[in-house]
Each structure stands twice: as structure tokens, then as C-alpha cells.
Amino acid sequence: MDEKKLLSPAQIAGGAFWGGPLATVYYLRRNYLALGRDDYAQKTLVYGVLFVIALLVLLPFIPESFPNLVIPLAYCFAARQIASSTQMGKVQIEEAEGYTFESNWKIFGVGILTLLAFFAMALSVIMMFEEAGFLKLT
């Protein structure tokens, strides 16, 4: 029997901080799927997409004086709490048969890809807002 790979709550929080909001949704959903909790995986996808859309729409209008780390720390903390309360913790993963930890290198690689994807999406939204006259970049 192949072991299913899971991320611990700490890995999810670290990956979320490194990879941005898309990584947060991906990691949480992936764990739910590995645990056979398809209902939670679906909810994570729906609420995650709504969160990412809201973030993309609101980010261009946040004042420059707003602390840069507040939003990433907030969704990292939220992701860790969600993982801790609804998924397996580090000790549970270590003790459970059929489960093992996901590689930190894979988390790092996925984080790079999701961060680049989020930046591309954010740039597209900013350019669209500027073209529509909602935002002035100069």
C-alpha cells in the first residue's frame, strides 16, 4: 500500500507564507483529498477562490502605509488553525499508518509556482483597473 503524503499544520503555514494565497488553498485542499474528506476539499476550493478574488480586487486599493505582513500572516495563521482543527497534526501523521509527510522541497517548489501565478494574476488585475480608470499608477 502506498503511503499518502500529508502536510503538517506547520508545513501548511510555512508553505502558505512562502507561496501566497493560492498555495494556501492548494495545500489545505490537497490534505483534505488525501484524507478522503471530499466535502471539505470542495468547500476549501470554493471559499479559497472567493478569498483570492477578493484579495486581488482589494489589494490595489490598500494604502501604502498599511503594514505589508498583516495579510500574509493572517491567512497563514488561519490556514494553520484550519489544518490543526480539521486535519491531522504532526504527531498524528507520524503515528498513523498509511500516511507520511510531504517533502519540504516539493512544498517549496509548489510555493514558487503559486506565488508566480498570484503575481501574474495581480498584475493583470492592476492593469485592468488602470485601463478602466479605477486606478492611477503614475
C-alpha atoms as a PDB file:
ATOM      1  CA  MET A   1       0.000   0.000   0.000  1.00  0.00           C
ATOM      2  CA  ASP A   2       1.341   3.405  -0.938  1.00  0.00           C
ATOM      3  CA  GLU A   3       1.575   5.963   1.805  1.00  0.00           C
ATOM      4  CA  LYS A   4      -0.432   9.127   1.295  1.00  0.00           C
ATOM      5  CA  LYS A   5       1.555  12.310   1.688  1.00  0.00           C
ATOM      6  CA  LEU A   6       0.204  14.955   4.045  1.00  0.00           C
ATOM      7  CA  LEU A   7       1.373  18.365   5.136  1.00  0.00           C
ATOM      8  CA  SER A   8       1.531  19.118   8.846  1.00  0.00           C
ATOM      9  CA  PRO A   9      -0.134  22.324  10.067  1.00  0.00           C
ATOM     10  CA  ALA A  10       3.332  23.921  10.348  1.00  0.00           C
ATOM     11  CA  GLN A  11       4.193  22.906   6.774  1.00  0.00           C
ATOM     12  CA  ILE A  12       0.898  24.380   5.571  1.00  0.00           C
ATOM     13  CA  ALA A  13       1.568  27.659   7.403  1.00  0.00           C
ATOM     14  CA  GLY A  14       5.137  27.880   6.092  1.00  0.00           C
ATOM     15  CA  GLY A  15       4.079  26.951   2.575  1.00  0.00           C
ATOM     16  CA  ALA A  16       1.245  29.477   2.728  1.00  0.00           C
ATOM     17  CA  PHE A  17       3.630  32.236   3.766  1.00  0.00           C
ATOM     18  CA  TRP A  18       6.112  31.304   1.046  1.00  0.00           C
ATOM     19  CA  GLY A  19       3.630  30.523  -1.738  1.00  0.00           C
ATOM     20  CA  GLY A  20       0.873  33.033  -1.098  1.00  0.00           C
ATOM     21  CA  PRO A  21      -2.896  32.594  -1.030  1.00  0.00           C
ATOM     22  CA  LEU A  22      -3.039  30.169  -3.977  1.00  0.00           C
ATOM     23  CA  ALA A  23      -0.632  27.840  -2.176  1.00  0.00           C
ATOM     24  CA  THR A  24      -2.727  28.107   0.973  1.00  0.00           C
ATOM     25  CA  VAL A  25      -5.809  26.867  -0.847  1.00  0.00           C
ATOM     26  CA  TYR A  26      -3.852  24.181  -2.692  1.00  0.00           C
ATOM     27  CA  TYR A  27      -2.206  22.738   0.436  1.00  0.00           C
ATOM     28  CA  LEU A  28      -5.381  22.662   2.524  1.00  0.00           C
ATOM     29  CA  ARG A  29      -7.396  21.109  -0.304  1.00  0.00           C
ATOM     30  CA  ARG A  30      -4.711  18.546  -1.066  1.00  0.00           C
ATOM     31  CA  ASN A  31      -4.683  17.357   2.543  1.00  0.00           C
ATOM     32  CA  TYR A  32      -8.466  17.021   2.592  1.00  0.00           C
ATOM     33  CA  LEU A  33      -8.358  14.935  -0.589  1.00  0.00           C
ATOM     34  CA  ALA A  34      -5.626  12.689   0.862  1.00  0.00           C
ATOM     35  CA  LEU A  35      -7.739  12.225   3.988  1.00  0.00           C
ATOM     36  CA  GLY A  36     -10.804  11.333   1.910  1.00  0.00           C
ATOM     37  CA  ARG A  37     -12.734  14.418   3.005  1.00  0.00           C
ATOM     38  CA  ASP A  38     -14.024  15.472  -0.387  1.00  0.00           C
ATOM     39  CA  ASP A  39     -16.713  17.718   1.101  1.00  0.00           C
ATOM     40  CA  TYR A  40     -14.098  19.799   2.911  1.00  0.00           C
ATOM     41  CA  ALA A  41     -11.904  19.811  -0.195  1.00  0.00           C
ATOM     42  CA  GLN A  42     -14.787  21.246  -2.235  1.00  0.00           C
ATOM     43  CA  LYS A  43     -15.559  23.905   0.387  1.00  0.00           C
ATOM     44  CA  THR A  44     -11.872  24.821   0.552  1.00  0.00           C
ATOM     45  CA  LEU A  45     -11.788  25.287  -3.208  1.00  0.00           C
ATOM     46  CA  VAL A  46     -14.940  27.444  -3.290  1.00  0.00           C
ATOM     47  CA  TYR A  47     -14.038  29.637  -0.310  1.00  0.00           C
ATOM     48  CA  GLY A  48     -10.405  29.778  -1.400  1.00  0.00           C
ATOM     49  CA  VAL A  49     -11.289  31.031  -4.875  1.00  0.00           C
ATOM     50  CA  LEU A  50     -13.592  33.651  -3.351  1.00  0.00           C
ATOM     51  CA  PHE A  51     -10.815  34.729  -0.963  1.00  0.00           C
ATOM     52  CA  VAL A  52      -8.252  35.006  -3.777  1.00  0.00           C
ATOM     53  CA  ILE A  53     -10.673  37.026  -5.929  1.00  0.00           C
ATOM     54  CA  ALA A  54     -11.464  39.363  -3.023  1.00  0.00           C
ATOM     55  CA  LEU A  55      -7.764  39.780  -2.316  1.00  0.00           C
ATOM     56  CA  LEU A  56      -6.967  40.539  -5.955  1.00  0.00           C
ATOM     57  CA  VAL A  57      -9.736  43.142  -6.123  1.00  0.00           C
ATOM     58  CA  LEU A  58      -8.884  44.824  -2.815  1.00  0.00           C
ATOM     59  CA  LEU A  59      -5.068  44.783  -2.858  1.00  0.00           C
ATOM     60  CA  PRO A  60      -4.635  47.660  -5.337  1.00  0.00           C
ATOM     61  CA  PHE A  61      -6.669  49.930  -3.052  1.00  0.00           C
ATOM     62  CA  ILE A  62      -4.876  49.206   0.234  1.00  0.00           C
ATOM     63  CA  PRO A  63      -2.937  52.292   1.384  1.00  0.00           C
ATOM     64  CA  GLU A  64       0.852  52.155   1.143  1.00  0.00           C
ATOM     65  CA  SER A  65       1.062  52.841   4.881  1.00  0.00           C
ATOM     66  CA  PHE A  66      -0.694  49.520   5.602  1.00  0.00           C
ATOM     67  CA  PRO A  67       1.828  47.015   7.072  1.00  0.00           C
ATOM     68  CA  ASN A  68       2.934  44.544   4.383  1.00  0.00           C
ATOM     69  CA  LEU A  69       2.943  41.454   6.587  1.00  0.00           C
ATOM     70  CA  VAL A  70      -0.553  41.728   8.067  1.00  0.00           C
ATOM     71  CA  ILE A  71      -2.437  39.954   5.268  1.00  0.00           C
ATOM     72  CA  PRO A  72       0.081  37.105   4.715  1.00  0.00           C
ATOM     73  CA  LEU A  73       0.364  36.470   8.450  1.00  0.00           C
ATOM     74  CA  ALA A  74      -3.428  36.471   8.769  1.00  0.00           C
ATOM     75  CA  TYR A  75      -4.018  33.819   6.118  1.00  0.00           C
ATOM     76  CA  CYS A  76      -1.029  31.763   7.345  1.00  0.00           C
ATOM     77  CA  PHE A  77      -2.431  31.769  10.870  1.00  0.00           C
ATOM     78  CA  ALA A  78      -5.911  30.931   9.564  1.00  0.00           C
ATOM     79  CA  ALA A  79      -4.547  28.069   7.438  1.00  0.00           C
ATOM     80  CA  ARG A  80      -2.627  26.640  10.386  1.00  0.00           C
ATOM     81  CA  GLN A  81      -5.699  26.824  12.617  1.00  0.00           C
ATOM     82  CA  ILE A  82      -7.884  25.174   9.973  1.00  0.00           C
ATOM     83  CA  ALA A  83      -5.323  22.413   9.447  1.00  0.00           C
ATOM     84  CA  SER A  84      -4.881  21.889  13.197  1.00  0.00           C
ATOM     85  CA  SER A  85      -8.602  21.615  13.859  1.00  0.00           C
ATOM     86  CA  THR A  86      -9.796  19.639  10.815  1.00  0.00           C
ATOM     87  CA  GLN A  87      -6.760  17.703   9.565  1.00  0.00           C
ATOM     88  CA  MET A  88      -4.025  15.568  11.126  1.00  0.00           C
ATOM     89  CA  GLY A  89      -1.312  17.165  13.249  1.00  0.00           C
ATOM     90  CA  LYS A  90       2.382  16.341  13.100  1.00  0.00           C
ATOM     91  CA  VAL A  91       2.247  13.654  15.789  1.00  0.00           C
ATOM     92  CA  GLN A  92      -0.863  12.079  14.261  1.00  0.00           C
ATOM     93  CA  ILE A  93       0.818  11.890  10.851  1.00  0.00           C
ATOM     94  CA  GLU A  94       3.946  10.351  12.412  1.00  0.00           C
ATOM     95  CA  GLU A  95       1.922   7.700  14.247  1.00  0.00           C
ATOM     96  CA  ALA A  96      -0.660   6.895  11.566  1.00  0.00           C
ATOM     97  CA  GLU A  97      -0.111   4.019   9.208  1.00  0.00           C
ATOM     98  CA  GLY A  98      -0.596   4.855   5.565  1.00  0.00           C
ATOM     99  CA  TYR A  99       0.483   8.487   5.886  1.00  0.00           C
ATOM    100  CA  THR A 100       3.809  10.258   5.625  1.00  0.00           C
ATOM    101  CA  PHE A 101       4.971  13.867   5.387  1.00  0.00           C
ATOM    102  CA  GLU A 102       5.167  15.722   2.107  1.00  0.00           C
ATOM    103  CA  SER A 103       8.667  16.771   1.108  1.00  0.00           C
ATOM    104  CA  ASN A 104       9.601  20.304   2.136  1.00  0.00           C
ATOM    105  CA  TRP A 105      11.287  20.679  -1.259  1.00  0.00           C
ATOM    106  CA  LYS A 106       8.001  19.947  -3.007  1.00  0.00           C
ATOM    107  CA  ILE A 107       6.253  22.488  -0.792  1.00  0.00           C
ATOM    108  CA  PHE A 108       8.963  24.990  -1.722  1.00  0.00           C
ATOM    109  CA  GLY A 109       8.587  24.251  -5.462  1.00  0.00           C
ATOM    110  CA  VAL A 110       4.802  24.469  -5.423  1.00  0.00           C
ATOM    111  CA  GLY A 111       5.156  27.702  -3.450  1.00  0.00           C
ATOM    112  CA  ILE A 112       7.312  29.264  -6.155  1.00  0.00           C
ATOM    113  CA  LEU A 113       4.808  28.316  -8.863  1.00  0.00           C
ATOM    114  CA  THR A 114       1.770  29.540  -6.948  1.00  0.00           C
ATOM    115  CA  LEU A 115       3.484  32.785  -5.965  1.00  0.00           C
ATOM    116  CA  LEU A 116       4.381  33.485  -9.597  1.00  0.00           C
ATOM    117  CA  ALA A 117       0.814  32.667 -10.645  1.00  0.00           C
ATOM    118  CA  PHE A 118      -0.600  35.017  -7.999  1.00  0.00           C
ATOM    119  CA  PHE A 119       1.757  37.816  -9.078  1.00  0.00           C
ATOM    120  CA  ALA A 120       0.671  37.345 -12.701  1.00  0.00           C
ATOM    121  CA  MET A 121      -2.987  37.471 -11.677  1.00  0.00           C
ATOM    122  CA  ALA A 122      -2.418  40.549  -9.503  1.00  0.00           C
ATOM    123  CA  LEU A 123      -0.566  42.334 -12.291  1.00  0.00           C
ATOM    124  CA  SER A 124      -3.405  41.544 -14.696  1.00  0.00           C
ATOM    125  CA  VAL A 125      -5.993  42.929 -12.278  1.00  0.00           C
ATOM    126  CA  ILE A 126      -3.931  46.075 -11.650  1.00  0.00           C
ATOM    127  CA  MET A 127      -3.504  46.676 -15.381  1.00  0.00           C
ATOM    128  CA  MET A 128      -7.222  46.093 -15.946  1.00  0.00           C
ATOM    129  CA  PHE A 129      -8.114  48.562 -13.170  1.00  0.00           C
ATOM    130  CA  GLU A 130      -5.739  51.147 -14.601  1.00  0.00           C
ATOM    131  CA  GLU A 131      -7.154  50.704 -18.100  1.00  0.00           C
ATOM    132  CA  ALA A 132     -10.700  51.081 -16.753  1.00  0.00           C
ATOM    133  CA  GLY A 133      -9.707  54.271 -14.917  1.00  0.00           C
ATOM    134  CA  PHE A 134     -10.217  52.896 -11.389  1.00  0.00           C
ATOM    135  CA  LEU A 135      -6.538  53.137 -10.557  1.00  0.00           C
ATOM    136  CA  LYS A 136      -3.720  55.564 -11.375  1.00  0.00           C
ATOM    137  CA  LEU A 137      -0.213  54.091 -11.250  1.00  0.00           C
ATOM    138  CA  THR A 138       1.719  57.247 -12.101  1.00  0.00           C
END
